[in-house]
N, C-alpha and C. Protein backbone atom coordinates (compact mmCIF):
# COMPACT_ATOMS: atom_id res chain seq x y z
N TYR A 1 -4.22 -2.87 -12.38
CA TYR A 1 -3.39 -2.99 -12.96
C TYR A 1 -1.67 -2.85 -13.19
N HIS A 2 -1.59 -2.40 -14.53
CA HIS A 2 -0.23 -2.47 -14.72
C HIS A 2 0.92 -2.45 -13.95
N LEU A 3 1.85 -2.81 -13.96
CA LEU A 3 3.34 -2.44 -12.70
C LEU A 3 3.42 -1.28 -13.21
N ALA A 4 3.41 -0.19 -14.54
CA ALA A 4 4.13 1.05 -14.58
C ALA A 4 2.75 1.96 -13.90
N GLU A 5 1.54 1.42 -14.43
CA GLU A 5 0.61 2.52 -13.71
C GLU A 5 0.30 2.73 -12.19
N TYR A 6 0.80 1.03 -11.65
CA TYR A 6 0.94 1.10 -10.06
C TYR A 6 2.11 2.09 -9.17
N ALA A 7 3.22 2.15 -10.31
CA ALA A 7 4.13 2.96 -9.57
C ALA A 7 3.87 3.96 -9.89
N ASP A 8 3.26 4.68 -10.49
CA ASP A 8 2.68 6.19 -11.19
C ASP A 8 1.75 6.49 -9.60
N PHE A 9 1.50 5.41 -9.10
CA PHE A 9 0.64 6.41 -7.75
C PHE A 9 1.74 6.90 -6.40
N PHE A 10 2.82 6.52 -7.03
CA PHE A 10 3.63 6.58 -5.65
C PHE A 10 4.98 7.90 -6.24
N SER A 11 5.03 8.82 -5.15
CA SER A 11 5.89 10.07 -5.28
C SER A 11 7.05 9.67 -5.26
N ASP A 12 7.90 9.92 -5.80
CA ASP A 12 9.32 9.62 -5.71
C ASP A 12 10.16 10.23 -4.01
N SER A 13 9.41 10.66 -3.66
CA SER A 13 9.87 10.66 -2.05
C SER A 13 9.56 9.81 -1.28
N LEU A 14 8.54 8.70 -1.85
CA LEU A 14 8.39 7.64 -1.23
C LEU A 14 9.31 7.68 0.11
N GLU A 15 8.42 6.98 1.10
CA GLU A 15 8.90 6.48 2.99
C GLU A 15 7.43 5.47 2.59
N PHE A 16 8.19 3.94 2.60
CA PHE A 16 7.39 3.12 2.96
C PHE A 16 7.51 2.24 4.50
N TYR A 17 6.91 2.38 5.37
CA TYR A 17 7.27 1.70 6.91
C TYR A 17 6.59 0.47 7.38
N HIS A 18 7.40 -0.32 7.09
CA HIS A 18 6.56 -2.12 6.98
C HIS A 18 6.88 -2.52 8.13
N ASP A 19 6.09 -3.17 9.41
CA ASP A 19 6.28 -3.74 10.35
C ASP A 19 7.70 -4.66 10.14
N LYS A 20 7.10 -5.38 9.58
CA LYS A 20 7.72 -7.11 9.34
C LYS A 20 9.37 -6.31 8.08
N GLY A 21 9.36 -5.91 7.55
CA GLY A 21 10.23 -5.26 6.29
C GLY A 21 11.17 -3.62 6.64
N GLY A 22 10.79 -3.17 7.37
CA GLY A 22 11.53 -1.99 7.94
C GLY A 22 10.85 -0.78 6.52
N LEU A 23 12.17 0.18 6.67
CA LEU A 23 11.85 1.53 5.99
C LEU A 23 12.41 1.23 4.61
N SER A 24 11.52 1.73 3.67
CA SER A 24 11.69 1.89 2.53
C SER A 24 11.84 2.94 1.58
N THR A 25 12.49 3.49 1.39
CA THR A 25 12.74 4.93 0.96
C THR A 25 12.79 4.98 -0.94
N SER A 26 12.70 4.39 -1.43
CA SER A 26 13.28 3.35 -2.43
C SER A 26 11.74 3.22 -3.35
N LYS A 27 11.29 4.01 -4.11
CA LYS A 27 10.21 3.75 -4.99
C LYS A 27 10.37 2.67 -6.06
N LYS A 28 11.65 2.48 -6.63
CA LYS A 28 12.06 1.20 -7.22
C LYS A 28 11.87 0.46 -6.64
N ASP A 29 12.49 0.13 -5.19
CA ASP A 29 12.42 -1.38 -4.29
C ASP A 29 11.21 -1.28 -3.48
N VAL A 30 10.27 -1.00 -3.63
CA VAL A 30 8.79 -1.12 -3.22
C VAL A 30 7.50 -1.22 -4.32
N VAL A 31 8.05 -1.62 -5.93
CA VAL A 31 7.68 -1.61 -6.79
C VAL A 31 7.95 -3.40 -7.05
N ASP A 32 9.26 -3.22 -7.28
CA ASP A 32 10.15 -4.72 -7.34
C ASP A 32 9.96 -5.43 -6.64
N GLY A 33 9.39 -4.46 -5.17
CA GLY A 33 9.26 -5.77 -3.75
C GLY A 33 7.45 -6.33 -4.21
N THR A 34 6.88 -5.43 -4.48
CA THR A 34 5.39 -5.95 -4.70
C THR A 34 5.62 -6.98 -6.13
N GLN A 35 6.13 -6.41 -7.00
CA GLN A 35 6.26 -7.17 -7.72
C GLN A 35 6.71 -8.85 -8.07
N ARG A 36 7.60 -8.80 -6.76
CA ARG A 36 8.78 -10.12 -6.77
C ARG A 36 7.75 -10.78 -5.80
N ASN A 37 7.06 -10.27 -4.83
CA ASN A 37 6.39 -11.03 -3.54
C ASN A 37 4.77 -11.32 -3.21
N VAL A 38 3.80 -9.99 -4.07
CA VAL A 38 2.82 -9.98 -4.21
C VAL A 38 2.22 -10.25 -5.26
N CYS A 39 2.60 -9.79 -6.66
CA CYS A 39 1.44 -10.25 -8.11
C CYS A 39 1.89 -12.14 -8.32
N GLY A 40 0.98 -12.21 -8.44
CA GLY A 40 0.44 -13.49 -8.46
C GLY A 40 0.56 -14.36 -7.34
N LYS A 41 0.49 -13.74 -6.24
CA LYS A 41 1.05 -15.31 -5.06
C LYS A 41 0.44 -14.49 -3.84
N VAL A 42 -0.51 -12.82 -4.01
CA VAL A 42 -0.95 -13.18 -2.88
C VAL A 42 -2.17 -11.95 -3.34
N THR A 43 -3.58 -12.11 -2.84
CA THR A 43 -4.91 -11.54 -3.04
C THR A 43 -4.51 -10.52 -1.66
N ARG A 44 -5.03 -9.13 -1.80
CA ARG A 44 -5.78 -8.19 -1.30
C ARG A 44 -6.96 -7.97 -1.46
N HIS A 45 -7.87 -7.71 -0.34
CA HIS A 45 -9.20 -7.11 -0.28
C HIS A 45 -8.95 -6.29 0.67
N LEU A 46 -9.56 -4.93 0.11
CA LEU A 46 -10.05 -4.25 1.50
C LEU A 46 -11.20 -4.46 2.67
N VAL A 47 -11.23 -4.46 3.65
CA VAL A 47 -12.07 -4.81 4.34
C VAL A 47 -13.05 -3.62 4.85
N PRO A 48 -14.17 -3.93 4.50
CA PRO A 48 -15.68 -3.35 3.74
C PRO A 48 -15.94 -2.46 5.22
N GLY A 49 -15.92 -1.08 5.52
CA GLY A 49 -16.25 -0.28 5.74
C GLY A 49 -15.26 -0.35 7.02
N SER A 50 -14.06 -0.42 6.47
CA SER A 50 -12.85 0.10 7.57
C SER A 50 -12.15 1.51 6.55
N ILE A 51 -12.17 1.81 5.17
CA ILE A 51 -11.77 2.54 5.20
C ILE A 51 -12.00 4.10 5.44
N GLU A 52 -11.51 5.02 6.16
CA GLU A 52 -11.36 6.00 7.06
C GLU A 52 -10.33 7.58 6.04
N VAL A 53 -10.82 8.39 5.33
CA VAL A 53 -10.51 9.99 4.96
C VAL A 53 -10.14 11.19 5.38
N TYR A 54 -9.34 11.76 5.84
CA TYR A 54 -8.80 12.83 6.24
C TYR A 54 -8.65 13.79 4.97
N PRO A 55 -9.07 14.80 5.19
CA PRO A 55 -8.32 16.11 4.25
C PRO A 55 -6.97 16.56 5.08
N ILE A 56 -5.90 16.82 4.62
CA ILE A 56 -5.15 17.75 4.78
C ILE A 56 -4.96 19.43 4.36
N LYS A 57 -5.29 20.18 5.17
CA LYS A 57 -5.08 21.45 3.89
C LYS A 57 -4.04 21.86 3.80
N GLY A 58 -4.22 22.10 2.00
CA GLY A 58 -3.22 22.71 1.61
C GLY A 58 -2.27 21.63 1.11
N PHE A 59 -2.45 20.53 1.67
CA PHE A 59 -1.41 19.31 0.81
C PHE A 59 -1.82 18.37 0.35
N GLY A 60 -3.66 17.40 1.03
CA GLY A 60 -3.77 16.23 0.38
C GLY A 60 -5.11 15.59 1.63
N ALA A 61 -4.16 14.44 1.88
CA ALA A 61 -5.62 13.69 2.59
C ALA A 61 -4.51 12.48 3.27
N VAL A 62 -5.14 11.77 4.27
CA VAL A 62 -4.45 10.82 5.02
C VAL A 62 -5.68 9.71 4.69
N GLU A 63 -5.53 8.77 4.52
CA GLU A 63 -6.48 7.28 4.62
C GLU A 63 -5.81 6.09 5.33
N MET A 64 -6.44 5.68 5.88
CA MET A 64 -6.26 4.28 6.58
C MET A 64 -7.43 3.98 6.90
N GLY A 65 -7.12 2.19 6.67
CA GLY A 65 -7.88 1.36 7.25
C GLY A 65 -7.75 0.00 7.23
N LEU A 66 -8.00 -1.42 6.46
CA LEU A 66 -7.66 -2.59 7.32
C LEU A 66 -7.92 -3.16 5.92
N HIS A 67 -7.33 -3.90 5.41
CA HIS A 67 -7.04 -4.92 4.30
C HIS A 67 -6.41 -6.35 4.53
N SER A 68 -7.24 -7.73 3.62
CA SER A 68 -6.64 -8.38 4.38
C SER A 68 -6.06 -9.01 3.08
N PHE A 69 -5.30 -10.53 3.19
CA PHE A 69 -4.45 -10.96 2.64
C PHE A 69 -4.78 -12.76 2.42
N THR A 70 -4.28 -13.03 1.13
CA THR A 70 -4.57 -14.74 1.50
C THR A 70 -3.24 -14.60 0.14
N ASN A 71 -2.78 -15.75 0.82
CA ASN A 71 -1.28 -16.41 0.32
C ASN A 71 -1.75 -17.38 -0.70
N ASN A 72 -2.10 -17.30 -1.97
CA ASN A 72 -2.57 -17.68 -3.02
C ASN A 72 -1.41 -19.27 -3.78
N THR A 73 0.01 -19.22 -2.74
CA THR A 73 0.69 -20.22 -2.74
C THR A 73 0.56 -21.48 -1.72
N GLU A 74 -0.37 -21.37 -1.25
CA GLU A 74 -0.69 -22.23 -0.44
C GLU A 74 -1.76 -23.30 -1.01
N LYS A 75 -1.59 -24.33 -0.60
CA LYS A 75 -2.55 -25.03 -1.16
C LYS A 75 -3.55 -24.84 -0.21
N ASN A 76 -3.25 -24.81 1.45
CA ASN A 76 -4.62 -24.72 2.24
C ASN A 76 -4.44 -23.27 3.06
N PRO A 77 -4.64 -22.10 2.29
CA PRO A 77 -4.06 -21.10 3.03
C PRO A 77 -5.17 -20.47 4.48
N GLY A 78 -5.93 -21.18 4.69
CA GLY A 78 -6.30 -20.89 6.13
C GLY A 78 -6.56 -19.28 6.03
N PRO A 79 -7.17 -18.74 6.96
CA PRO A 79 -8.52 -17.71 6.50
C PRO A 79 -7.74 -16.35 6.48
N PRO A 80 -7.74 -15.49 5.69
CA PRO A 80 -6.97 -14.33 5.39
C PRO A 80 -6.51 -13.50 6.60
N ARG A 81 -5.28 -13.29 6.34
CA ARG A 81 -4.41 -12.47 7.63
C ARG A 81 -4.72 -10.96 7.24
N VAL A 82 -5.63 -10.20 8.38
CA VAL A 82 -6.01 -9.43 8.06
C VAL A 82 -4.54 -8.36 8.41
N GLY A 83 -4.51 -7.01 8.25
CA GLY A 83 -3.56 -5.81 8.69
C GLY A 83 -4.15 -4.65 8.75
N LYS A 84 -3.59 -3.48 8.98
CA LYS A 84 -3.99 -2.44 9.18
C LYS A 84 -2.77 -1.34 8.16
N PHE A 85 -3.40 -0.47 7.24
CA PHE A 85 -2.59 0.41 6.71
C PHE A 85 -3.17 1.94 6.55
N VAL A 86 -2.14 2.80 6.54
CA VAL A 86 -2.12 4.16 6.91
C VAL A 86 -1.54 4.81 5.44
N ILE A 87 -2.12 5.34 5.04
CA ILE A 87 -1.39 6.43 3.46
C ILE A 87 -1.94 7.70 3.67
N VAL A 88 -0.72 8.87 3.48
CA VAL A 88 -0.71 10.25 2.84
C VAL A 88 -0.29 9.96 1.80
N TRP A 89 -1.16 10.76 0.96
CA TRP A 89 -1.92 11.22 -0.08
C TRP A 89 -1.17 12.86 -0.34
N GLN A 90 -0.73 13.30 -1.52
CA GLN A 90 -0.22 14.31 -1.79
C GLN A 90 -0.61 14.86 -3.41
N HIS A 91 -1.43 16.37 -3.13
CA HIS A 91 -2.42 16.87 -4.32
C HIS A 91 -1.92 17.30 -4.87
N THR A 92 -1.10 17.11 -6.25
CA THR A 92 -0.32 17.90 -6.81
C THR A 92 -0.78 17.47 -8.31
N THR A 93 0.29 18.75 -9.39
CA THR A 93 -0.27 19.18 -10.75
C THR A 93 -0.76 17.88 -11.30
N LYS A 94 0.81 16.76 -10.73
CA LYS A 94 0.69 15.41 -12.49
C LYS A 94 -0.94 14.62 -10.89
N GLY A 95 -1.39 15.07 -10.10
CA GLY A 95 -2.29 14.05 -9.43
C GLY A 95 -2.00 14.06 -8.40
N TRP A 96 -2.66 12.75 -7.52
CA TRP A 96 -2.47 12.65 -6.31
C TRP A 96 -1.55 11.60 -6.43
N LYS A 97 -0.28 11.46 -5.61
CA LYS A 97 0.39 10.36 -4.51
C LYS A 97 0.99 10.12 -3.71
N ILE A 98 1.17 9.12 -3.42
CA ILE A 98 1.97 8.43 -2.47
C ILE A 98 2.70 8.84 -2.02
N THR A 99 2.63 9.52 -1.06
CA THR A 99 4.38 9.78 0.03
C THR A 99 4.57 8.92 1.25
N ARG A 100 3.83 8.87 1.67
CA ARG A 100 4.38 7.94 2.94
C ARG A 100 3.63 6.40 3.22
N VAL A 101 3.89 5.81 3.46
CA VAL A 101 2.73 4.40 3.96
C VAL A 101 3.17 3.87 5.04
N ILE A 102 2.08 3.64 5.96
CA ILE A 102 2.89 2.79 7.65
C ILE A 102 1.72 1.14 6.92
N SER A 103 2.13 0.22 6.81
CA SER A 103 1.26 -0.94 6.84
C SER A 103 2.19 -1.94 8.01
N LEU A 104 1.45 -2.37 8.77
CA LEU A 104 1.72 -3.28 9.76
C LEU A 104 0.63 -4.58 9.43
N HIS A 105 1.02 -5.23 10.55
CA HIS A 105 0.76 -6.73 9.77
C HIS A 105 0.35 -7.40 11.54
């Protein structure tokens, strides 16, 4: 993805809860943080079979699952670290938008 396409997934009313980084309510800060800390530095993979999605009547859906991360800046990164995530998606006239994220490592 290009960063602009990535940013378009997020609602302007985004709440991003990160167990290590705290709460961010700024879409711009989340996208900037991804560019600064993830792009070209970390590889993320979904853990096969871990994704669960549940519809939320009249709103959208909740997605939860596991993902693993490998730090590409380390010479010997060791095994990937697995984390949990929960994403609340809203179905809008502009498509599906992420309104809430909980990211646990």
